[in-house]
Protein backbone atom coordinates (compact mmCIF):
# COMPACT_ATOMS: atom_id res chain seq x y z
CA UNK A 1 18.13 -36.52 -17.44
CA UNK A 2 17.19 -32.87 -17.24
CA UNK A 3 15.82 -31.12 -20.34
CA UNK A 4 18.83 -30.02 -22.43
CA UNK A 5 17.24 -26.83 -23.80
CA UNK A 6 16.12 -25.73 -20.36
CA UNK A 7 19.56 -26.55 -18.93
CA UNK A 8 21.24 -24.44 -21.59
CA UNK A 9 18.99 -21.50 -20.80
CA UNK A 10 19.44 -21.74 -17.03
CA UNK A 11 23.20 -22.26 -17.19
CA UNK A 12 24.13 -19.56 -19.69
CA UNK A 13 21.36 -17.08 -20.53
CA UNK A 14 21.51 -13.58 -19.01
CA UNK A 15 18.68 -12.83 -16.61
CA UNK A 16 17.27 -13.91 -13.26
CA UNK A 17 14.85 -16.37 -11.66
CA UNK A 18 11.53 -15.13 -10.29
CA UNK A 19 10.47 -16.71 -6.99
CA UNK A 20 6.68 -17.11 -7.12
CA UNK A 21 6.59 -19.81 -4.47
CA UNK A 22 5.06 -18.25 -1.36
CA UNK A 23 3.30 -21.13 0.42
CA UNK A 24 0.69 -21.45 3.16
CA UNK A 25 2.52 -19.61 5.92
CA UNK A 26 3.82 -16.73 3.80
CA UNK A 27 0.79 -16.29 1.52
CA UNK A 28 -1.21 -13.96 3.83
CA UNK A 29 1.75 -11.61 4.12
CA UNK A 30 2.35 -11.66 0.37
CA UNK A 31 -1.32 -10.89 -0.27
CA UNK A 32 -1.29 -8.13 2.33
CA UNK A 33 1.65 -6.43 0.60
CA UNK A 34 -0.33 -6.74 -2.65
CA UNK A 35 -3.23 -4.92 -1.00
CA UNK A 36 -5.45 -7.91 -0.15
CA UNK A 37 -6.14 -8.07 3.60
CA UNK A 38 -7.15 -11.21 5.50
CA UNK A 39 -10.66 -9.78 5.88
CA UNK A 40 -11.02 -9.92 2.08
CA UNK A 41 -11.17 -13.71 1.97
CA UNK A 42 -12.40 -16.67 4.01
CA UNK A 43 -10.42 -19.89 4.27
CA UNK A 44 -7.38 -21.27 2.52
CA UNK A 45 -9.09 -22.08 -0.78
CA UNK A 46 -10.12 -18.48 -1.39
CA UNK A 47 -6.73 -17.26 -0.18
CA UNK A 48 -4.89 -19.49 -2.66
CA UNK A 49 -7.30 -18.52 -5.44
CA UNK A 50 -6.45 -14.85 -4.91
CA UNK A 51 -2.74 -15.68 -4.77
CA UNK A 52 -2.97 -17.63 -8.01
CA UNK A 53 -4.73 -14.70 -9.67
CA UNK A 54 -1.84 -12.45 -8.63
CA UNK A 55 0.71 -14.90 -10.01
CA UNK A 56 -1.18 -15.26 -13.28
CA UNK A 57 -1.17 -11.48 -13.60
CA UNK A 58 2.61 -11.52 -13.18
CA UNK A 59 3.30 -14.48 -15.46
CA UNK A 60 1.13 -13.10 -18.27
CA UNK A 61 2.49 -9.54 -18.10
CA UNK A 62 4.28 -8.42 -21.30
CA UNK A 63 7.66 -7.99 -19.56
CA UNK A 64 7.62 -11.44 -17.94
CA UNK A 65 9.44 -13.35 -20.68
CA UNK A 66 12.59 -15.39 -21.03
CA UNK A 67 14.43 -12.39 -22.39
CA UNK A 68 15.12 -11.29 -18.80
CA UNK A 69 13.28 -13.79 -16.55
CA UNK A 70 15.00 -17.07 -17.34
CA UNK A 71 13.22 -19.14 -14.69
CA UNK A 72 10.35 -19.12 -12.20
CA UNK A 73 9.97 -21.08 -8.94
CA UNK A 74 6.41 -22.26 -8.36
CA UNK A 75 4.37 -23.29 -5.34
CA UNK A 76 2.82 -26.76 -5.80
CA UNK A 77 -0.67 -25.31 -6.20
CA UNK A 78 0.64 -22.95 -8.86
CA UNK A 79 2.18 -25.85 -10.76
CA UNK A 80 -1.22 -27.56 -10.67
CA UNK A 81 -3.03 -24.43 -11.86
CA UNK A 82 -3.40 -22.96 -15.32
CA UNK A 83 -3.11 -19.73 -17.30
CA UNK A 84 -5.83 -19.26 -19.90
CA UNK A 85 -6.53 -22.99 -19.87
CA UNK A 86 -2.88 -24.07 -20.21
CA UNK A 87 -0.98 -25.77 -17.39
CA UNK A 88 1.37 -23.29 -15.74
CA UNK A 89 4.69 -25.13 -16.39
CA UNK A 90 4.01 -25.57 -20.10
CA UNK A 91 2.64 -22.02 -20.36
CA UNK A 92 5.84 -20.61 -18.85
CA UNK A 93 8.17 -22.59 -21.11
CA UNK A 94 6.18 -22.69 -24.36
CA UNK A 95 4.57 -19.24 -24.28
CA UNK A 96 7.04 -17.19 -22.24
CA UNK A 97 10.40 -18.96 -22.60
CA UNK A 98 10.72 -19.22 -18.80
CA UNK A 99 12.09 -22.41 -17.20
CA UNK A 100 9.75 -23.78 -14.46
CA UNK A 101 11.00 -24.90 -11.04
CA UNK A 102 8.99 -26.32 -8.11
CA UNK A 103 9.29 -25.55 -4.40
CA UNK A 104 9.30 -28.97 -2.73
CA UNK A 105 10.04 -28.45 0.97
CA UNK A 106 7.28 -28.77 3.55
CA UNK A 107 8.50 -26.02 5.83
CA UNK A 108 10.99 -25.83 8.66
CA UNK A 109 11.53 -27.60 11.97
CA UNK A 110 12.05 -25.58 15.14
CA UNK A 111 15.44 -23.94 15.59
CA UNK A 112 18.14 -26.20 17.02
CA UNK A 113 21.91 -25.61 17.02
CA UNK A 114 21.34 -22.22 15.45
CA UNK A 115 19.53 -23.57 12.37
CA UNK A 116 16.14 -24.69 11.10
CA UNK A 117 16.26 -27.95 9.21
CA UNK A 118 13.70 -28.96 6.62
CA UNK A 119 10.74 -31.01 7.78
CA UNK A 120 10.56 -34.60 6.48
CA UNK A 121 9.27 -35.10 2.92
CA UNK A 122 7.97 -38.69 2.87
CA UNK A 123 6.08 -38.26 -0.41
CA UNK A 124 8.90 -36.51 -2.26
CA UNK A 125 9.44 -39.09 -4.99
CA UNK A 126 5.77 -38.97 -5.98
CA UNK A 127 5.87 -35.16 -6.11
CA UNK A 128 9.06 -35.20 -8.20
CA UNK A 129 7.57 -37.63 -10.68
CA UNK A 130 4.39 -35.54 -10.93
CA UNK A 131 6.40 -32.38 -11.41
CA UNK A 132 8.60 -33.95 -14.07
CA UNK A 133 5.51 -35.18 -15.93
CA UNK A 134 4.11 -31.64 -15.88
CA UNK A 135 7.27 -30.20 -17.43
CA UNK A 136 9.09 -29.02 -14.31
CA UNK A 137 12.86 -28.66 -14.84
CA UNK A 138 14.09 -28.40 -11.28
CA UNK A 139 13.25 -27.92 -7.62
CA UNK A 140 13.97 -25.61 -4.71
CA UNK A 141 14.17 -26.38 -0.99
CA UNK A 142 14.93 -23.98 1.86
CA UNK A 143 16.64 -24.27 5.24
CA UNK A 144 17.52 -21.35 7.53
CA UNK A 145 20.75 -20.55 9.36
CA UNK A 146 20.44 -18.11 12.28
CA UNK A 147 23.77 -18.47 14.06
CA UNK A 148 27.33 -19.48 13.16
CA UNK A 149 27.07 -22.92 14.73
CA UNK A 150 29.34 -25.28 12.81
CA UNK A 151 27.48 -28.46 13.75
CA UNK A 152 24.12 -26.93 12.88
CA UNK A 153 25.29 -25.57 9.52
CA UNK A 154 26.97 -28.87 8.66
CA UNK A 155 23.69 -30.68 9.38
CA UNK A 156 21.71 -28.28 7.18
CA UNK A 157 24.08 -28.68 4.25
CA UNK A 158 24.24 -32.47 4.65
CA UNK A 159 20.43 -32.68 4.62
CA UNK A 160 20.21 -30.42 1.57
CA UNK A 161 22.66 -32.54 -0.43
CA UNK A 162 21.02 -35.82 0.61
CA UNK A 163 17.70 -34.59 -0.76
CA UNK A 164 19.46 -33.13 -3.81
CA UNK A 165 20.75 -36.57 -4.75
CA UNK A 166 17.20 -37.90 -4.56
CA UNK A 167 16.07 -35.10 -6.88
CA UNK A 168 18.89 -35.75 -9.34
CA UNK A 169 17.86 -39.40 -9.34
CA UNK A 170 14.43 -38.37 -10.63
CA UNK A 171 15.94 -36.42 -13.52
CA UNK A 172 15.47 -32.93 -12.07
CA UNK A 173 17.82 -30.08 -11.18
CA UNK A 174 17.95 -29.24 -7.45
CA UNK A 175 18.33 -25.70 -6.15
CA UNK A 176 19.91 -25.99 -2.71
CA UNK A 177 18.89 -23.07 -0.47
CA UNK A 178 20.52 -22.80 2.96
CA UNK A 179 19.45 -19.22 3.74
CA UNK A 180 21.56 -17.24 6.19
CA UNK A 181 19.27 -14.80 8.01
CA UNK A 182 20.18 -11.20 7.23
CA UNK A 183 19.39 -10.49 10.90
CA UNK A 184 21.96 -12.96 12.17
CA UNK A 185 24.43 -11.34 14.61
CA UNK A 186 27.04 -13.77 13.27
CA UNK A 187 26.20 -13.55 9.55
CA UNK A 188 29.80 -13.19 8.36
CA UNK A 189 30.99 -16.13 10.44
CA UNK A 190 28.00 -18.24 9.35
CA UNK A 191 28.76 -17.52 5.70
CA UNK A 192 32.35 -18.68 6.13
CA UNK A 193 31.25 -21.98 7.66
CA UNK A 194 28.53 -22.40 5.03
CA UNK A 195 30.93 -21.86 2.14
CA UNK A 196 33.30 -24.51 3.49
CA UNK A 197 30.52 -27.04 4.13
CA UNK A 198 28.98 -26.57 0.67
CA UNK A 199 32.39 -26.92 -1.00
CA UNK A 200 33.01 -30.19 0.84
CA UNK A 201 29.66 -31.60 -0.27
CA UNK A 202 30.16 -30.43 -3.85
CA UNK A 203 33.49 -32.24 -3.97
CA UNK A 204 31.70 -35.47 -3.00
CA UNK A 205 29.21 -35.36 -5.88
CA UNK A 206 29.75 -38.07 -8.49
CA UNK A 207 31.12 -36.92 -11.84
CA UNK A 208 28.39 -35.44 -14.02
CA UNK A 209 26.01 -34.63 -11.17
CA UNK A 210 25.29 -30.92 -10.82
CA UNK A 211 23.25 -28.63 -8.58
CA UNK A 212 22.27 -25.00 -8.30
CA UNK A 213 22.73 -22.91 -5.16
CA UNK A 214 20.42 -20.23 -3.77
CA UNK A 215 22.24 -18.17 -1.16
CA UNK A 216 21.75 -15.02 0.87
CA UNK A 217 23.73 -12.14 -0.65
CA UNK A 218 27.01 -12.27 1.31
CA UNK A 219 28.24 -9.44 3.51
CA UNK A 220 31.58 -9.43 1.68
CA UNK A 221 31.29 -9.05 -2.09
CA UNK A 222 32.23 -12.09 -4.21
CA UNK A 223 32.60 -14.24 -1.09
CA UNK A 224 30.92 -17.13 -2.89
CA UNK A 225 33.13 -16.86 -6.00
CA UNK A 226 34.71 -20.32 -5.34
CA UNK A 227 31.23 -21.87 -5.38
CA UNK A 228 30.26 -19.99 -8.55
CA UNK A 229 33.36 -21.46 -10.23
CA UNK A 230 32.88 -25.04 -8.96
CA UNK A 231 32.51 -27.63 -11.72
CA UNK A 232 29.42 -29.15 -10.08
CA UNK A 233 27.50 -25.86 -9.81
CA UNK A 234 25.27 -24.89 -12.73
CA UNK A 235 24.44 -21.47 -11.32
CA UNK A 236 24.38 -19.52 -8.07
CA UNK A 237 21.30 -17.41 -7.44
CA UNK A 238 20.65 -14.92 -4.66
CA UNK A 239 17.62 -14.55 -2.41
CA UNK A 240 16.55 -11.09 -1.31
CA UNK A 241 16.09 -12.29 2.28
CA UNK A 242 14.05 -9.32 3.51
CA UNK A 243 16.18 -6.60 1.93
CA UNK A 244 14.25 -3.99 -0.04
CA UNK A 245 14.54 -4.35 -3.80
CA UNK A 246 16.87 -1.35 -4.00
CA UNK A 247 19.18 -2.73 -1.30
CA UNK A 248 19.09 -6.27 -2.68
CA UNK A 249 19.92 -5.09 -6.20
CA UNK A 250 22.72 -2.83 -5.00
CA UNK A 251 24.32 -5.64 -2.98
CA UNK A 252 23.83 -8.20 -5.76
CA UNK A 253 25.53 -5.94 -8.31
CA UNK A 254 28.83 -6.42 -6.45
CA UNK A 255 28.72 -10.22 -6.63
CA UNK A 256 30.00 -11.53 -9.94
CA UNK A 257 28.42 -14.71 -11.20
CA UNK A 258 25.38 -14.45 -8.89
CA UNK A 259 21.97 -13.72 -10.37
CA UNK A 260 18.77 -12.84 -8.54
CA UNK A 261 16.02 -15.17 -7.41
CA UNK A 262 13.87 -12.63 -5.62
CA UNK A 263 10.39 -13.06 -4.13
CA UNK A 264 9.20 -10.09 -2.08
CA UNK A 265 11.66 -7.76 -3.81
CA UNK A 266 10.04 -8.73 -7.13
CA UNK A 267 6.48 -7.91 -6.06
CA UNK A 268 6.94 -5.12 -3.50
CA UNK A 269 5.53 -2.35 -5.75
CA UNK A 270 2.61 -4.33 -7.19
CA UNK A 271 -0.94 -3.64 -5.96
CA UNK A 272 -4.25 -5.34 -6.65
CA UNK A 273 -5.88 -1.94 -7.28
CA UNK A 274 -3.55 -1.08 -10.17
CA UNK A 275 -4.93 -0.95 -13.68
CA UNK A 276 -3.36 -3.47 -16.04
CA UNK A 277 -1.32 -0.67 -17.61
CA UNK A 278 -0.03 0.47 -14.21
CA UNK A 279 0.67 -3.08 -13.09
CA UNK A 280 2.53 -4.00 -16.26
CA UNK A 281 4.60 -0.80 -16.21
CA UNK A 282 5.57 -1.28 -12.56
CA UNK A 283 6.52 -4.93 -13.12
CA UNK A 284 8.54 -4.05 -16.22
CA UNK A 285 10.49 -1.45 -14.25
CA UNK A 286 11.16 -3.98 -11.49
CA UNK A 287 12.26 -6.66 -13.97
CA UNK A 288 14.65 -4.20 -15.63
CA UNK A 289 16.19 -3.28 -12.27
CA UNK A 290 16.66 -6.87 -11.10
CA UNK A 291 17.97 -7.91 -14.52
CA UNK A 292 20.53 -5.12 -14.45
CA UNK A 293 21.79 -6.14 -10.99
CA UNK A 294 22.07 -9.75 -12.18
CA UNK A 295 23.89 -9.00 -15.43
CA UNK A 296 25.76 -5.69 -15.06
CA UNK A 297 28.24 -6.03 -12.22
CA UNK A 298 30.01 -3.25 -10.40
């Protein structure tokens, strides 16, 4: 069973979920945007150490609390790290009031039928048990949809829900993330197929089993309203998908019932050279903007 207090916060509290889960492939780009070039470090260990330092700076900033940031998605190494000697998941929940999630996917397979499926996760149960023991509430896993191919999208959604049931079985809350590329020439058509496929899978869930959804902000406002209202959906969150923060917030503000779960849009104005005062002020401004788009709808 998922933690009842965390579930209550995630299902009903105003705010958004911070995505702090950049992994191996996306870490160099995230560090580069932060002002740390690849020439500033040698090897993966130093790279991840610098990334963890950035995340600690974010998580310990005065504005990063459960008042507006209700959850945070962590990379596995971040879950295993600490903040001032306290394990990250317990630090987030006990000190900041932020519900911890864990990114569990191992990356994407090559594109086929217009989609990228998740790579196999043979050690998933062990990771879920370890995460649960560390205080993790839920998980997140990402697939990508590039074209409006019905067979491909159906396969992505089927895979997501199969893994979701495994996660539910370990007492955790799954965030299902079938991302539709914002560059897709058939984005509108792909979203229509995706909505239908997700609805079909939701209807098949046993009574009492629930999931969260993380979706690309739709082209047509409130397009995912039927999913937001579904009895088996705890919450629908939106990924920024490459949009700037301003664009992502503007689009999100027109989608009732969707809250943000932004990654790059959350950190785009943060720089390693900032003083703590500058860093904290910039992050606070960003948090206010994303919170407003999540809570105050047009």
